Protein backbone atom coordinates (compact mmCIF):
# COMPACT_ATOMS: atom_id res chain seq x y z
CA UNK A 1 55.47 54.41 182.50
CA UNK A 2 56.91 52.71 179.50
CA UNK A 3 56.51 52.23 175.78
CA UNK A 4 55.83 54.31 172.69
CA UNK A 5 54.40 51.55 170.49
CA UNK A 6 51.49 52.61 168.33
CA UNK A 7 51.86 56.36 168.88
CA UNK A 8 53.06 57.27 165.38
CA UNK A 9 49.60 58.14 164.03
CA UNK A 10 48.18 59.27 167.36
CA UNK A 11 46.11 62.46 167.33
CA UNK A 12 46.81 65.30 169.73
CA UNK A 13 43.54 64.84 171.62
CA UNK A 14 44.15 61.13 172.11
CA UNK A 15 47.68 61.77 173.39
CA UNK A 16 46.53 64.51 175.76
CA UNK A 17 43.74 62.39 177.23
CA UNK A 18 46.16 59.50 177.70
CA UNK A 19 48.46 61.82 179.65
CA UNK A 20 45.51 63.16 181.66
CA UNK A 21 44.37 59.63 182.61
CA UNK A 22 47.76 58.09 183.26
CA UNK A 23 48.91 57.45 186.82
CA UNK A 24 52.54 56.96 187.95
CA UNK A 25 52.53 53.14 187.94
CA UNK A 26 50.56 52.70 184.72
CA UNK A 27 52.02 50.97 181.67
CA UNK A 28 51.51 52.84 178.39
CA UNK A 29 50.98 51.37 174.90
CA UNK A 30 51.24 47.74 175.96
CA UNK A 31 50.74 44.71 173.66
CA UNK A 32 47.90 42.56 175.02
CA UNK A 33 46.70 39.47 173.11
CA UNK A 34 47.72 40.91 169.77
CA UNK A 35 46.36 44.42 170.43
CA UNK A 36 48.05 47.61 171.63
CA UNK A 37 46.28 48.93 174.74
CA UNK A 38 46.60 52.61 175.65
CA UNK A 39 46.92 52.16 179.43
CA UNK A 40 47.31 49.08 181.61
CA UNK A 41 46.56 49.74 185.27
CA UNK A 42 46.93 46.55 187.24
CA UNK A 43 44.10 44.28 186.04
CA UNK A 44 42.37 47.13 184.18
CA UNK A 45 42.84 47.90 180.48
CA UNK A 46 42.00 51.51 179.55
CA UNK A 47 41.33 52.33 175.92
CA UNK A 48 40.84 55.92 174.71
CA UNK A 49 38.81 56.42 171.56
CA UNK A 50 38.31 59.87 170.05
CA UNK A 51 36.57 58.77 166.85
CA UNK A 52 34.42 55.92 165.53
CA UNK A 53 33.64 53.07 167.95
CA UNK A 54 33.24 50.77 164.94
CA UNK A 55 37.01 50.90 164.47
CA UNK A 56 37.66 49.24 167.86
CA UNK A 57 34.67 46.89 168.04
CA UNK A 58 36.64 43.71 167.37
CA UNK A 59 39.37 44.77 169.78
CA UNK A 60 37.00 45.44 172.67
CA UNK A 61 34.95 42.27 172.21
CA UNK A 62 38.16 40.24 172.22
CA UNK A 63 39.70 41.91 175.27
CA UNK A 64 36.56 41.93 177.38
CA UNK A 65 36.52 38.12 177.29
CA UNK A 66 39.57 37.99 179.56
CA UNK A 67 40.09 41.43 181.09
CA UNK A 68 38.36 44.35 182.77
CA UNK A 69 38.10 47.07 180.12
CA UNK A 70 37.36 50.77 180.46
CA UNK A 71 36.58 52.77 177.32
CA UNK A 72 37.14 56.53 177.44
CA UNK A 73 35.29 58.81 175.02
CA UNK A 74 35.53 62.64 174.90
CA UNK A 75 32.57 64.86 174.06
CA UNK A 76 33.38 68.54 173.43
CA UNK A 77 30.99 70.69 175.42
CA UNK A 78 32.79 73.74 174.03
CA UNK A 79 34.76 73.85 170.81
CA UNK A 80 36.69 76.53 168.96
CA UNK A 81 37.23 76.30 165.19
CA UNK A 82 40.80 77.37 164.42
CA UNK A 83 41.76 77.82 160.76
CA UNK A 84 45.37 77.72 159.61
CA UNK A 85 46.78 77.72 156.07
CA UNK A 86 49.81 75.50 156.62
CA UNK A 87 52.27 74.38 159.28
CA UNK A 88 54.26 77.64 159.03
CA UNK A 89 51.26 79.95 159.24
CA UNK A 90 49.71 81.28 162.42
CA UNK A 91 45.97 80.89 162.81
CA UNK A 92 43.90 82.70 160.21
CA UNK A 93 40.73 82.79 162.27
CA UNK A 94 39.30 81.50 165.51
CA UNK A 95 35.62 81.26 166.40
CA UNK A 96 33.58 79.42 168.98
CA UNK A 97 31.29 76.75 167.60
CA UNK A 98 27.59 77.25 168.43
CA UNK A 99 27.30 73.50 169.06
CA UNK A 100 27.59 72.23 172.63
CA UNK A 101 28.15 68.58 173.39
CA UNK A 102 26.12 66.62 175.94
CA UNK A 103 26.57 63.28 177.68
CA UNK A 104 23.96 61.68 175.41
CA UNK A 105 26.12 62.34 172.35
CA UNK A 106 28.02 59.16 173.23
CA UNK A 107 25.05 57.23 171.81
CA UNK A 108 26.11 58.40 168.33
CA UNK A 109 28.98 55.92 168.64
CA UNK A 110 27.61 53.47 171.19
CA UNK A 111 25.28 52.02 168.54
CA UNK A 112 28.33 50.04 167.35
CA UNK A 113 28.23 47.77 170.42
CA UNK A 114 25.50 48.55 172.99
CA UNK A 115 25.61 44.91 174.13
CA UNK A 116 29.00 45.51 175.77
CA UNK A 117 27.30 47.56 178.49
CA UNK A 118 25.73 44.33 179.73
CA UNK A 119 29.16 42.81 180.39
CA UNK A 120 30.21 43.04 184.06
CA UNK A 121 33.86 43.69 183.18
CA UNK A 122 33.20 46.61 180.81
CA UNK A 123 32.70 50.25 181.73
CA UNK A 124 32.48 53.52 179.85
CA UNK A 125 33.91 56.90 180.82
CA UNK A 126 32.47 59.93 179.03
CA UNK A 127 34.60 63.03 179.38
CA UNK A 128 33.25 66.53 178.70
CA UNK A 129 36.03 68.63 177.20
CA UNK A 130 36.90 72.01 175.82
CA UNK A 131 38.78 71.67 172.55
CA UNK A 132 40.36 73.49 169.65
CA UNK A 133 39.46 71.90 166.32
CA UNK A 134 42.18 72.66 163.78
CA UNK A 135 41.07 73.24 160.19
CA UNK A 136 43.68 73.41 157.44
CA UNK A 137 43.32 74.43 153.81
CA UNK A 138 42.87 71.22 151.79
CA UNK A 139 44.13 70.25 148.37
CA UNK A 140 42.10 71.55 145.43
CA UNK A 141 38.85 69.71 144.78
CA UNK A 142 38.56 68.18 148.26
CA UNK A 143 36.27 68.85 151.23
CA UNK A 144 33.75 70.87 149.24
CA UNK A 145 31.40 70.84 152.20
CA UNK A 146 33.81 73.02 154.18
CA UNK A 147 34.71 75.21 151.20
CA UNK A 148 38.21 73.81 150.87
CA UNK A 149 38.99 73.29 154.57
CA UNK A 150 39.53 69.96 156.33
CA UNK A 151 39.70 69.03 160.01
CA UNK A 152 43.29 68.08 160.74
CA UNK A 153 43.50 67.75 164.52
CA UNK A 154 41.78 68.26 167.87
CA UNK A 155 43.58 69.87 170.79
CA UNK A 156 42.53 69.37 174.41
CA UNK A 157 42.13 72.65 176.28
CA UNK A 158 40.51 71.38 179.47
CA UNK A 159 38.58 68.50 180.99
CA UNK A 160 35.36 69.86 182.47
CA UNK A 161 33.75 66.74 183.92
CA UNK A 162 33.86 62.94 183.75
CA UNK A 163 31.10 60.39 184.30
CA UNK A 164 31.40 56.63 184.50
CA UNK A 165 28.72 54.29 183.20
CA UNK A 166 28.83 50.62 184.18
CA UNK A 167 25.46 49.42 182.89
CA UNK A 168 22.50 50.26 180.73
CA UNK A 169 20.67 51.47 183.83
CA UNK A 170 23.43 54.04 184.39
CA UNK A 171 22.96 55.32 180.85
CA UNK A 172 19.20 55.28 181.31
CA UNK A 173 19.78 58.00 183.89
CA UNK A 174 20.67 60.37 181.04
CA UNK A 175 17.01 60.50 180.01
CA UNK A 176 15.20 63.51 181.48
CA UNK A 177 13.16 62.92 184.65
CA UNK A 178 10.27 64.63 182.87
CA UNK A 179 10.15 61.83 180.27
CA UNK A 180 7.09 59.81 181.25
CA UNK A 181 6.48 56.17 180.30
CA UNK A 182 5.57 55.27 177.66
CA UNK A 183 7.52 57.55 175.32
CA UNK A 184 8.60 57.82 171.69
CA UNK A 185 11.87 58.86 170.13
CA UNK A 186 10.21 62.18 169.29
CA UNK A 187 9.65 62.71 173.02
CA UNK A 188 13.32 61.99 173.72
CA UNK A 189 14.37 64.39 170.97
CA UNK A 190 12.16 67.20 172.20
CA UNK A 191 13.11 66.95 175.89
CA UNK A 192 16.84 66.57 175.23
CA UNK A 193 16.89 69.23 172.52
CA UNK A 194 18.74 66.82 170.26
CA UNK A 195 17.97 65.58 166.70
CA UNK A 196 15.54 62.70 166.35
CA UNK A 197 18.29 60.73 164.62
CA UNK A 198 20.23 60.73 167.90
CA UNK A 199 17.08 59.96 169.90
CA UNK A 200 16.56 56.87 167.74
CA UNK A 201 20.09 55.72 168.60
CA UNK A 202 19.41 56.32 172.28
CA UNK A 203 16.30 54.15 172.16
CA UNK A 204 18.05 51.41 170.18
CA UNK A 205 21.00 51.26 172.57
CA UNK A 206 18.92 51.29 175.75
CA UNK A 207 16.68 48.56 174.34
CA UNK A 208 19.69 46.41 173.42
CA UNK A 209 21.04 46.93 176.94
CA UNK A 210 17.77 45.78 178.46
CA UNK A 211 17.13 49.14 180.14
CA UNK A 212 13.94 49.85 178.16
CA UNK A 213 11.57 47.79 176.05
CA UNK A 214 9.02 48.45 173.34
CA UNK A 215 5.48 48.33 174.72
CA UNK A 216 3.35 49.15 171.68
CA UNK A 217 2.82 51.79 169.05
CA UNK A 218 1.02 55.06 168.65
CA UNK A 219 0.35 55.56 164.97
CA UNK A 220 3.62 54.66 163.25
CA UNK A 221 5.77 55.51 166.29
CA UNK A 222 7.10 52.81 168.61
CA UNK A 223 6.33 53.29 172.30
CA UNK A 224 9.11 52.57 174.79
CA UNK A 225 9.12 52.28 178.55
CA UNK A 226 11.54 51.67 181.38
CA UNK A 227 11.64 48.11 182.62
CA UNK A 228 9.69 48.88 185.81
CA UNK A 229 6.79 50.33 183.81
CA UNK A 230 3.46 48.58 184.30
CA UNK A 231 0.95 48.91 181.47
CA UNK A 232 -2.62 49.74 182.36
CA UNK A 233 -5.10 47.05 181.49
């Protein structure tokens, strides 16, 4: 392995996942066509993204023109909120978040570029993790929503499972088997137990990937169906 370019502002979770993914002959933090790539493994470029996909949209669209690209995205299935006052203070409190991540949560970010899933040289790894989320007391007047606390870092505790998605059809498999065609975003929301806002992103992405299509409306709600669905006449 070689290189430390671009690691100055790297978060702990990003660094830990890079270490977890890296193999002995990989090259780390390599300049490729004007971009710094996390891992280069032969002909494969591996990019780890722990936050907004919008921030790397231009980078991925540029690289996928010439290279095979794998995007890695972690979803915390279990998360502990750890509060600390400052760098010299031990944790003030630690509690387990009631929220549990699911594979489909990747659609929250995938709306930035669902079309990439149609590219034969692009693939997506979703990694279910256990994490500590570090909250630190913020400066006065900031982060009122968290009563003066701000999220400072994410620490990887464990990798629980990894799944690779190479096409829209692969991601379509995340929809419940009990979801009958045609369906609405409300149906997706109810069966997944996820907010309708996320269900709307799921439908948008799968439609852009060509895995589902709109087949009509019921009231004001759009009806969707898998591509092999045949409407009754």
